[in-house]
Amino acid sequence: MSEDFFHALASPYRREIIKLLKWKNMNAGEIAEHFDISQPSISRHLDVLKHAEIVTSERKGNQIIYSLNLSVMQEMYIKLSELLSFGGDEKVNETK
């Protein structure tokens, strides 16, 4: 999951989509209104975010609504916090 997560964050477009979905669930058309790229490009970015489990989708009538998967975001935040913590951890490799 970590590799997919970081791959998904590599794109500035996908990071902006995450920021948008932080405030409101949206369909692909609503998301596309915020960008100067094609609807198919937005859909590809959403597919990458879904594959990384950062975004979930739910069909409502004839629309697919995208939302941020907060549990994955929280899990990765915890993993990053543990990775970057500097207090009391044993040294893994000491260079002489």
PDB file of N, CA and C in Angstrom:
ATOM      1  N   MET A   1       0.827  -1.199   0.000  1.00  0.00           N
ATOM      2  CA  MET A   1       0.000   0.000   0.000  1.00  0.00           C
ATOM      3  C   MET A   1       0.866   1.255   0.000  1.00  0.00           C
ATOM      4  N   SER A   2       1.970   1.270   0.687  1.00  0.00           N
ATOM      5  CA  SER A   2       2.794   2.469   0.788  1.00  0.00           C
ATOM      6  C   SER A   2       3.302   2.939  -0.564  1.00  0.00           C
ATOM      7  N   GLU A   3       3.765   2.001  -1.405  1.00  0.00           N
ATOM      8  CA  GLU A   3       4.281   2.397  -2.716  1.00  0.00           C
ATOM      9  C   GLU A   3       3.185   3.035  -3.563  1.00  0.00           C
ATOM     10  N   ASP A   4       2.003   2.439  -3.572  1.00  0.00           N
ATOM     11  CA  ASP A   4       0.883   3.011  -4.321  1.00  0.00           C
ATOM     12  C   ASP A   4       0.506   4.379  -3.766  1.00  0.00           C
ATOM     13  N   PHE A   5       0.540   4.492  -2.451  1.00  0.00           N
ATOM     14  CA  PHE A   5       0.192   5.749  -1.794  1.00  0.00           C
ATOM     15  C   PHE A   5       1.133   6.863  -2.249  1.00  0.00           C
ATOM     16  N   PHE A   6       2.439   6.609  -2.172  1.00  0.00           N
ATOM     17  CA  PHE A   6       3.398   7.646  -2.534  1.00  0.00           C
ATOM     18  C   PHE A   6       3.408   7.911  -4.039  1.00  0.00           C
ATOM     19  N   HIS A   7       3.180   6.885  -4.836  1.00  0.00           N
ATOM     20  CA  HIS A   7       3.056   7.094  -6.286  1.00  0.00           C
ATOM     21  C   HIS A   7       1.871   8.021  -6.568  1.00  0.00           C
ATOM     22  N   ALA A   8       0.773   7.805  -5.882  1.00  0.00           N
ATOM     23  CA  ALA A   8      -0.417   8.637  -6.086  1.00  0.00           C
ATOM     24  C   ALA A   8      -0.150  10.086  -5.703  1.00  0.00           C
ATOM     25  N   LEU A   9       0.646  10.301  -4.674  1.00  0.00           N
ATOM     26  CA  LEU A   9       0.940  11.664  -4.231  1.00  0.00           C
ATOM     27  C   LEU A   9       1.962  12.374  -5.112  1.00  0.00           C
ATOM     28  N   ALA A  10       2.604  11.642  -6.013  1.00  0.00           N
ATOM     29  CA  ALA A  10       3.654  12.232  -6.850  1.00  0.00           C
ATOM     30  C   ALA A  10       3.117  13.287  -7.817  1.00  0.00           C
ATOM     31  N   SER A  11       1.865  13.198  -8.173  1.00  0.00           N
ATOM     32  CA  SER A  11       1.287  14.136  -9.139  1.00  0.00           C
ATOM     33  C   SER A  11       0.674  15.346  -8.438  1.00  0.00           C
ATOM     34  N   PRO A  12       1.021  16.558  -8.889  1.00  0.00           N
ATOM     35  CA  PRO A  12       0.384  17.746  -8.301  1.00  0.00           C
ATOM     36  C   PRO A  12      -1.123  17.775  -8.544  1.00  0.00           C
ATOM     37  N   TYR A  13      -1.573  17.209  -9.667  1.00  0.00           N
ATOM     38  CA  TYR A  13      -3.016  17.158  -9.928  1.00  0.00           C
ATOM     39  C   TYR A  13      -3.711  16.288  -8.874  1.00  0.00           C
ATOM     40  N   ARG A  14      -3.123  15.143  -8.574  1.00  0.00           N
ATOM     41  CA  ARG A  14      -3.745  14.251  -7.589  1.00  0.00           C
ATOM     42  C   ARG A  14      -3.714  14.865  -6.193  1.00  0.00           C
ATOM     43  N   ARG A  15      -2.650  15.585  -5.875  1.00  0.00           N
ATOM     44  CA  ARG A  15      -2.618  16.265  -4.569  1.00  0.00           C
ATOM     45  C   ARG A  15      -3.720  17.317  -4.485  1.00  0.00           C
ATOM     46  N   GLU A  16      -3.972  18.018  -5.583  1.00  0.00           N
ATOM     47  CA  GLU A  16      -5.052  19.014  -5.595  1.00  0.00           C
ATOM     48  C   GLU A  16      -6.422  18.351  -5.495  1.00  0.00           C
ATOM     49  N   ILE A  17      -6.587  17.206  -6.137  1.00  0.00           N
ATOM     50  CA  ILE A  17      -7.853  16.468  -6.023  1.00  0.00           C
ATOM     51  C   ILE A  17      -8.087  16.075  -4.572  1.00  0.00           C
ATOM     52  N   ILE A  18      -7.046  15.617  -3.897  1.00  0.00           N
ATOM     53  CA  ILE A  18      -7.165  15.259  -2.477  1.00  0.00           C
ATOM     54  C   ILE A  18      -7.607  16.470  -1.669  1.00  0.00           C
ATOM     55  N   LYS A  19      -7.005  17.627  -1.943  1.00  0.00           N
ATOM     56  CA  LYS A  19      -7.392  18.847  -1.220  1.00  0.00           C
ATOM     57  C   LYS A  19      -8.866  19.181  -1.450  1.00  0.00           C
ATOM     58  N   LEU A  20      -9.335  19.031  -2.689  1.00  0.00           N
ATOM     59  CA  LEU A  20     -10.744  19.308  -2.984  1.00  0.00           C
ATOM     60  C   LEU A  20     -11.665  18.361  -2.223  1.00  0.00           C
ATOM     61  N   LEU A  21     -11.315  17.077  -2.233  1.00  0.00           N
ATOM     62  CA  LEU A  21     -12.174  16.072  -1.596  1.00  0.00           C
ATOM     63  C   LEU A  21     -12.110  16.138  -0.075  1.00  0.00           C
ATOM     64  N   LYS A  22     -11.127  16.840   0.432  1.00  0.00           N
ATOM     65  CA  LYS A  22     -11.043  17.031   1.882  1.00  0.00           C
ATOM     66  C   LYS A  22     -12.259  17.817   2.380  1.00  0.00           C
ATOM     67  N   TRP A  23     -12.785  18.686   1.519  1.00  0.00           N
ATOM     68  CA  TRP A  23     -13.884  19.558   1.928  1.00  0.00           C
ATOM     69  C   TRP A  23     -15.254  19.077   1.478  1.00  0.00           C
ATOM     70  N   LYS A  24     -15.294  18.314   0.378  1.00  0.00           N
ATOM     71  CA  LYS A  24     -16.604  17.963  -0.175  1.00  0.00           C
ATOM     72  C   LYS A  24     -16.467  16.753  -1.094  1.00  0.00           C
ATOM     73  N   ASN A  25     -17.401  15.816  -0.992  1.00  0.00           N
ATOM     74  CA  ASN A  25     -17.470  14.711  -1.946  1.00  0.00           C
ATOM     75  C   ASN A  25     -17.942  15.273  -3.283  1.00  0.00           C
ATOM     76  N   MET A  26     -17.366  14.777  -4.381  1.00  0.00           N
ATOM     77  CA  MET A  26     -17.683  15.333  -5.699  1.00  0.00           C
ATOM     78  C   MET A  26     -17.722  14.242  -6.755  1.00  0.00           C
ATOM     79  N   ASN A  27     -18.410  14.545  -7.857  1.00  0.00           N
ATOM     80  CA  ASN A  27     -18.319  13.668  -9.022  1.00  0.00           C
ATOM     81  C   ASN A  27     -17.163  14.155  -9.897  1.00  0.00           C
ATOM     82  N   ALA A  28     -16.816  13.373 -10.914  1.00  0.00           N
ATOM     83  CA  ALA A  28     -15.656  13.704 -11.752  1.00  0.00           C
ATOM     84  C   ALA A  28     -15.823  15.046 -12.460  1.00  0.00           C
ATOM     85  N   GLY A  29     -17.034  15.358 -12.882  1.00  0.00           N
ATOM     86  CA  GLY A  29     -17.283  16.635 -13.543  1.00  0.00           C
ATOM     87  C   GLY A  29     -17.023  17.820 -12.630  1.00  0.00           C
ATOM     88  N   GLU A  30     -17.464  17.714 -11.385  1.00  0.00           N
ATOM     89  CA  GLU A  30     -17.221  18.791 -10.417  1.00  0.00           C
ATOM     90  C   GLU A  30     -15.729  18.963 -10.156  1.00  0.00           C
ATOM     91  N   ILE A  31     -15.026  17.842 -10.062  1.00  0.00           N
ATOM     92  CA  ILE A  31     -13.575  17.906  -9.852  1.00  0.00           C
ATOM     93  C   ILE A  31     -12.911  18.552 -11.064  1.00  0.00           C
ATOM     94  N   ALA A  32     -13.324  18.147 -12.265  1.00  0.00           N
ATOM     95  CA  ALA A  32     -12.718  18.649 -13.502  1.00  0.00           C
ATOM     96  C   ALA A  32     -12.868  20.158 -13.649  1.00  0.00           C
ATOM     97  N   GLU A  33     -13.926  20.743 -13.090  1.00  0.00           N
ATOM     98  CA  GLU A  33     -14.142  22.189 -13.174  1.00  0.00           C
ATOM     99  C   GLU A  33     -12.999  22.985 -12.555  1.00  0.00           C
ATOM    100  N   HIS A  34     -12.229  22.365 -11.682  1.00  0.00           N
ATOM    101  CA  HIS A  34     -11.143  23.048 -10.980  1.00  0.00           C
ATOM    102  C   HIS A  34      -9.804  22.944 -11.713  1.00  0.00           C
ATOM    103  N   PHE A  35      -9.775  22.294 -12.869  1.00  0.00           N
ATOM    104  CA  PHE A  35      -8.524  22.035 -13.574  1.00  0.00           C
ATOM    105  C   PHE A  35      -8.636  22.399 -15.052  1.00  0.00           C
ATOM    106  N   ASP A  36      -7.494  22.641 -15.660  1.00  0.00           N
ATOM    107  CA  ASP A  36      -7.425  22.910 -17.096  1.00  0.00           C
ATOM    108  C   ASP A  36      -6.938  21.677 -17.851  1.00  0.00           C
ATOM    109  N   ILE A  37      -7.410  20.504 -17.439  1.00  0.00           N
ATOM    110  CA  ILE A  37      -7.080  19.266 -18.139  1.00  0.00           C
ATOM    111  C   ILE A  37      -8.387  18.555 -18.479  1.00  0.00           C
ATOM    112  N   SER A  38      -8.307  17.592 -19.370  1.00  0.00           N
ATOM    113  CA  SER A  38      -9.516  16.930 -19.871  1.00  0.00           C
ATOM    114  C   SER A  38     -10.173  16.043 -18.811  1.00  0.00           C
ATOM    115  N   GLN A  39     -11.449  15.791 -19.021  1.00  0.00           N
ATOM    116  CA  GLN A  39     -12.204  14.881 -18.147  1.00  0.00           C
ATOM    117  C   GLN A  39     -11.562  13.488 -18.116  1.00  0.00           C
ATOM    118  N   PRO A  40     -11.124  12.926 -19.270  1.00  0.00           N
ATOM    119  CA  PRO A  40     -10.456  11.620 -19.210  1.00  0.00           C
ATOM    120  C   PRO A  40      -9.175  11.642 -18.362  1.00  0.00           C
ATOM    121  N   SER A  41      -8.444  12.755 -18.398  1.00  0.00           N
ATOM    122  CA  SER A  41      -7.245  12.864 -17.552  1.00  0.00           C
ATOM    123  C   SER A  41      -7.623  12.858 -16.078  1.00  0.00           C
ATOM    124  N   ILE A  42      -8.686  13.572 -15.738  1.00  0.00           N
ATOM    125  CA  ILE A  42      -9.170  13.570 -14.352  1.00  0.00           C
ATOM    126  C   ILE A  42      -9.555  12.153 -13.952  1.00  0.00           C
ATOM    127  N   SER A  43     -10.239  11.448 -14.830  1.00  0.00           N
ATOM    128  CA  SER A  43     -10.644  10.067 -14.530  1.00  0.00           C
ATOM    129  C   SER A  43      -9.437   9.169 -14.294  1.00  0.00           C
ATOM    130  N   ARG A  44      -8.382   9.350 -15.080  1.00  0.00           N
ATOM    131  CA  ARG A  44      -7.162   8.545 -14.869  1.00  0.00           C
ATOM    132  C   ARG A  44      -6.535   8.863 -13.515  1.00  0.00           C
ATOM    133  N   HIS A  45      -6.499  10.145 -13.162  1.00  0.00           N
ATOM    134  CA  HIS A  45      -5.957  10.522 -11.852  1.00  0.00           C
ATOM    135  C   HIS A  45      -6.810   9.924 -10.725  1.00  0.00           C
ATOM    136  N   LEU A  46      -8.116   9.942 -10.894  1.00  0.00           N
ATOM    137  CA  LEU A  46      -9.003   9.348  -9.889  1.00  0.00           C
ATOM    138  C   LEU A  46      -8.781   7.842  -9.784  1.00  0.00           C
ATOM    139  N   ASP A  47      -8.527   7.184 -10.901  1.00  0.00           N
ATOM    140  CA  ASP A  47      -8.241   5.742 -10.872  1.00  0.00           C
ATOM    141  C   ASP A  47      -6.977   5.445 -10.072  1.00  0.00           C
ATOM    142  N   VAL A  48      -5.949   6.267 -10.240  1.00  0.00           N
ATOM    143  CA  VAL A  48      -4.710   6.080  -9.471  1.00  0.00           C
ATOM    144  C   VAL A  48      -4.989   6.267  -7.980  1.00  0.00           C
ATOM    145  N   LEU A  49      -5.757   7.291  -7.645  1.00  0.00           N
ATOM    146  CA  LEU A  49      -6.097   7.542  -6.239  1.00  0.00           C
ATOM    147  C   LEU A  49      -6.939   6.412  -5.661  1.00  0.00           C
ATOM    148  N   LYS A  50      -7.838   5.860  -6.463  1.00  0.00           N
ATOM    149  CA  LYS A  50      -8.645   4.722  -6.003  1.00  0.00           C
ATOM    150  C   LYS A  50      -7.779   3.486  -5.808  1.00  0.00           C
ATOM    151  N   HIS A  51      -6.858   3.238  -6.740  1.00  0.00           N
ATOM    152  CA  HIS A  51      -5.970   2.076  -6.627  1.00  0.00           C
ATOM    153  C   HIS A  51      -5.128   2.158  -5.348  1.00  0.00           C
ATOM    154  N   ALA A  52      -4.740   3.365  -4.965  1.00  0.00           N
ATOM    155  CA  ALA A  52      -3.963   3.570  -3.740  1.00  0.00           C
ATOM    156  C   ALA A  52      -4.858   3.608  -2.504  1.00  0.00           C
ATOM    157  N   GLU A  53      -6.156   3.478  -2.708  1.00  0.00           N
ATOM    158  CA  GLU A  53      -7.159   3.497  -1.639  1.00  0.00           C
ATOM    159  C   GLU A  53      -7.227   4.836  -0.913  1.00  0.00           C
ATOM    160  N   ILE A  54      -6.760   5.895  -1.561  1.00  0.00           N
ATOM    161  CA  ILE A  54      -6.842   7.241  -0.994  1.00  0.00           C
ATOM    162  C   ILE A  54      -8.242   7.800  -1.208  1.00  0.00           C
ATOM    163  N   VAL A  55      -8.860   7.397  -2.316  1.00  0.00           N
ATOM    164  CA  VAL A  55     -10.192   7.862  -2.685  1.00  0.00           C
ATOM    165  C   VAL A  55     -11.098   6.648  -2.863  1.00  0.00           C
ATOM    166  N   THR A  56     -12.336   6.802  -2.451  1.00  0.00           N
ATOM    167  CA  THR A  56     -13.343   5.767  -2.686  1.00  0.00           C
ATOM    168  C   THR A  56     -14.409   6.347  -3.611  1.00  0.00           C
ATOM    169  N   SER A  57     -15.167   5.472  -4.233  1.00  0.00           N
ATOM    170  CA  SER A  57     -16.238   5.936  -5.115  1.00  0.00           C
ATOM    171  C   SER A  57     -17.516   5.179  -4.797  1.00  0.00           C
ATOM    172  N   GLU A  58     -18.628   5.871  -5.015  1.00  0.00           N
ATOM    173  CA  GLU A  58     -19.943   5.272  -4.776  1.00  0.00           C
ATOM    174  C   GLU A  58     -20.891   5.760  -5.864  1.00  0.00           C
ATOM    175  N   ARG A  59     -21.589   4.825  -6.477  1.00  0.00           N
ATOM    176  CA  ARG A  59     -22.556   5.195  -7.508  1.00  0.00           C
ATOM    177  C   ARG A  59     -23.835   5.695  -6.832  1.00  0.00           C
ATOM    178  N   LYS A  60     -24.270   6.889  -7.263  1.00  0.00           N
ATOM    179  CA  LYS A  60     -25.541   7.454  -6.810  1.00  0.00           C
ATOM    180  C   LYS A  60     -26.318   7.850  -8.054  1.00  0.00           C
ATOM    181  N   GLY A  61     -27.283   7.017  -8.406  1.00  0.00           N
ATOM    182  CA  GLY A  61     -28.028   7.252  -9.643  1.00  0.00           C
ATOM    183  C   GLY A  61     -27.111   7.064 -10.833  1.00  0.00           C
ATOM    184  N   ASN A  62     -27.014   8.091 -11.674  1.00  0.00           N
ATOM    185  CA  ASN A  62     -26.148   7.998 -12.852  1.00  0.00           C
ATOM    186  C   ASN A  62     -24.783   8.643 -12.633  1.00  0.00           C
ATOM    187  N   GLN A  63     -24.471   8.984 -11.401  1.00  0.00           N
ATOM    188  CA  GLN A  63     -23.196   9.624 -11.085  1.00  0.00           C
ATOM    189  C   GLN A  63     -22.347   8.735 -10.187  1.00  0.00           C
ATOM    190  N   ILE A  64     -21.039   8.933 -10.278  1.00  0.00           N
ATOM    191  CA  ILE A  64     -20.111   8.303  -9.344  1.00  0.00           C
ATOM    192  C   ILE A  64     -19.556   9.418  -8.474  1.00  0.00           C
ATOM    193  N   ILE A  65     -19.750   9.278  -7.184  1.00  0.00           N
ATOM    194  CA  ILE A  65     -19.309  10.286  -6.226  1.00  0.00           C
ATOM    195  C   ILE A  65     -18.010   9.811  -5.586  1.00  0.00           C
ATOM    196  N   TYR A  66     -17.019  10.688  -5.596  1.00  0.00           N
ATOM    197  CA  TYR A  66     -15.704  10.376  -5.035  1.00  0.00           C
ATOM    198  C   TYR A  66     -15.559  11.042  -3.676  1.00  0.00           C
ATOM    199  N   SER A  67     -14.935  10.319  -2.762  1.00  0.00           N
ATOM    200  CA  SER A  67     -14.689  10.867  -1.432  1.00  0.00           C
ATOM    201  C   SER A  67     -13.316  10.425  -0.949  1.00  0.00           C
ATOM    202  N   LEU A  68     -12.795  11.176  -0.013  1.00  0.00           N
ATOM    203  CA  LEU A  68     -11.487  10.893   0.564  1.00  0.00           C
ATOM    204  C   LEU A  68     -11.618   9.763   1.568  1.00  0.00           C
ATOM    205  N   ASN A  69     -10.724   8.795   1.503  1.00  0.00           N
ATOM    206  CA  ASN A  69     -10.705   7.673   2.440  1.00  0.00           C
ATOM    207  C   ASN A  69      -9.863   8.095   3.643  1.00  0.00           C
ATOM    208  N   LEU A  70     -10.508   8.646   4.639  1.00  0.00           N
ATOM    209  CA  LEU A  70      -9.790   9.209   5.779  1.00  0.00           C
ATOM    210  C   LEU A  70      -9.015   8.169   6.568  1.00  0.00           C
ATOM    211  N   SER A  71      -9.499   6.935   6.619  1.00  0.00           N
ATOM    212  CA  SER A  71      -8.786   5.918   7.398  1.00  0.00           C
ATOM    213  C   SER A  71      -7.412   5.633   6.795  1.00  0.00           C
ATOM    214  N   VAL A  72      -7.302   5.595   5.474  1.00  0.00           N
ATOM    215  CA  VAL A  72      -5.997   5.385   4.836  1.00  0.00           C
ATOM    216  C   VAL A  72      -5.098   6.592   5.065  1.00  0.00           C
ATOM    217  N   MET A  73      -5.655   7.781   4.957  1.00  0.00           N
ATOM    218  CA  MET A  73      -4.861   8.989   5.187  1.00  0.00           C
ATOM    219  C   MET A  73      -4.328   9.017   6.618  1.00  0.00           C
ATOM    220  N   GLN A  74      -5.166   8.649   7.580  1.00  0.00           N
ATOM    221  CA  GLN A  74      -4.728   8.621   8.975  1.00  0.00           C
ATOM    222  C   GLN A  74      -3.666   7.555   9.201  1.00  0.00           C
ATOM    223  N   GLU A  75      -3.849   6.387   8.587  1.00  0.00           N
ATOM    224  CA  GLU A  75      -2.880   5.299   8.724  1.00  0.00           C
ATOM    225  C   GLU A  75      -1.512   5.721   8.186  1.00  0.00           C
ATOM    226  N   MET A  76      -1.489   6.368   7.031  1.00  0.00           N
ATOM    227  CA  MET A  76      -0.221   6.809   6.453  1.00  0.00           C
ATOM    228  C   MET A  76       0.385   7.944   7.266  1.00  0.00           C
ATOM    229  N   TYR A  77      -0.429   8.794   7.832  1.00  0.00           N
ATOM    230  CA  TYR A  77       0.069   9.860   8.701  1.00  0.00           C
ATOM    231  C   TYR A  77       0.782   9.255   9.908  1.00  0.00           C
ATOM    232  N   ILE A  78       0.184   8.230  10.501  1.00  0.00           N
ATOM    233  CA  ILE A  78       0.793   7.562  11.655  1.00  0.00           C
ATOM    234  C   ILE A  78       2.107   6.908  11.247  1.00  0.00           C
ATOM    235  N   LYS A  79       2.122   6.212  10.113  1.00  0.00           N
ATOM    236  CA  LYS A  79       3.356   5.567   9.647  1.00  0.00           C
ATOM    237  C   LYS A  79       4.454   6.590   9.401  1.00  0.00           C
ATOM    238  N   LEU A  80       4.106   7.712   8.788  1.00  0.00           N
ATOM    239  CA  LEU A  80       5.101   8.757   8.547  1.00  0.00           C
ATOM    240  C   LEU A  80       5.594   9.368   9.847  1.00  0.00           C
ATOM    241  N   SER A  81       4.695   9.575  10.790  1.00  0.00           N
ATOM    242  CA  SER A  81       5.085  10.127  12.088  1.00  0.00           C
ATOM    243  C   SER A  81       6.064   9.207  12.796  1.00  0.00           C
ATOM    244  N   GLU A  82       5.787   7.903  12.745  1.00  0.00           N
ATOM    245  CA  GLU A  82       6.693   6.934  13.360  1.00  0.00           C
ATOM    246  C   GLU A  82       8.040   6.925  12.652  1.00  0.00           C
ATOM    247  N   LEU A  83       8.019   7.001  11.347  1.00  0.00           N
ATOM    248  CA  LEU A  83       9.245   6.992  10.562  1.00  0.00           C
ATOM    249  C   LEU A  83      10.108   8.214  10.859  1.00  0.00           C
ATOM    250  N   LEU A  84       9.469   9.352  11.030  1.00  0.00           N
ATOM    251  CA  LEU A  84      10.199  10.602  11.200  1.00  0.00           C
ATOM    252  C   LEU A  84      10.436  10.996  12.647  1.00  0.00           C
ATOM    253  N   SER A  85       9.961  10.186  13.595  1.00  0.00           N
ATOM    254  CA  SER A  85      10.166  10.545  15.000  1.00  0.00           C
ATOM    255  C   SER A  85      11.643  10.405  15.343  1.00  0.00           C
ATOM    256  N   PHE A  86      12.139  11.315  16.161  1.00  0.00           N
ATOM    257  CA  PHE A  86      13.557  11.344  16.485  1.00  0.00           C
ATOM    258  C   PHE A  86      13.849  10.980  17.928  1.00  0.00           C
ATOM    259  N   GLY A  87      12.862  10.815  18.744  1.00  0.00           N
ATOM    260  CA  GLY A  87      13.110  10.591  20.164  1.00  0.00           C
ATOM    261  C   GLY A  87      13.151   9.139  20.559  1.00  0.00           C
ATOM    262  N   GLY A  88      14.247   8.694  21.183  1.00  0.00           N
ATOM    263  CA  GLY A  88      14.322   7.396  21.833  1.00  0.00           C
ATOM    264  C   GLY A  88      14.448   6.189  20.938  1.00  0.00           C
ATOM    265  N   ASP A  89      14.526   6.351  19.647  1.00  0.00           N
ATOM    266  CA  ASP A  89      14.647   5.192  18.766  1.00  0.00           C
ATOM    267  C   ASP A  89      16.081   4.689  18.745  1.00  0.00           C
ATOM    268  N   GLU A  90      16.220   3.376  18.603  1.00  0.00           N
ATOM    269  CA  GLU A  90      17.555   2.803  18.477  1.00  0.00           C
ATOM    270  C   GLU A  90      18.130   3.191  17.129  1.00  0.00           C
ATOM    271  N   LYS A  91      19.442   3.348  17.100  1.00  0.00           N
ATOM    272  CA  LYS A  91      20.096   3.661  15.836  1.00  0.00           C
ATOM    273  C   LYS A  91      20.139   2.408  14.982  1.00  0.00           C
ATOM    274  N   VAL A  92      19.729   2.539  13.745  1.00  0.00           N
ATOM    275  CA  VAL A  92      19.679   1.395  12.846  1.00  0.00           C
ATOM    276  C   VAL A  92      21.053   1.117  12.265  1.00  0.00           C
ATOM    277  N   ASN A  93      21.740   2.154  11.861  1.00  0.00           N
ATOM    278  CA  ASN A  93      23.036   1.993  11.223  1.00  0.00           C
ATOM    279  C   ASN A  93      23.906   3.174  11.615  1.00  0.00           C
ATOM    280  N   GLU A  94      25.026   2.907  12.219  1.00  0.00           N
ATOM    281  CA  GLU A  94      25.896   3.982  12.660  1.00  0.00           C
ATOM    282  C   GLU A  94      27.131   4.013  11.771  1.00  0.00           C
ATOM    283  N   THR A  95      27.421   5.163  11.205  1.00  0.00           N
ATOM    284  CA  THR A  95      28.583   5.317  10.336  1.00  0.00           C
ATOM    285  C   THR A  95      29.755   5.814  11.152  1.00  0.00           C
ATOM    286  N   LYS A  96      30.934   5.201  10.927  1.00  0.00           N
ATOM    287  CA  LYS A  96      32.140   5.632  11.660  1.00  0.00           C
ATOM    288  C   LYS A  96      32.924   6.621  10.858  1.00  0.00           C
TER     289      LYS A  96
END
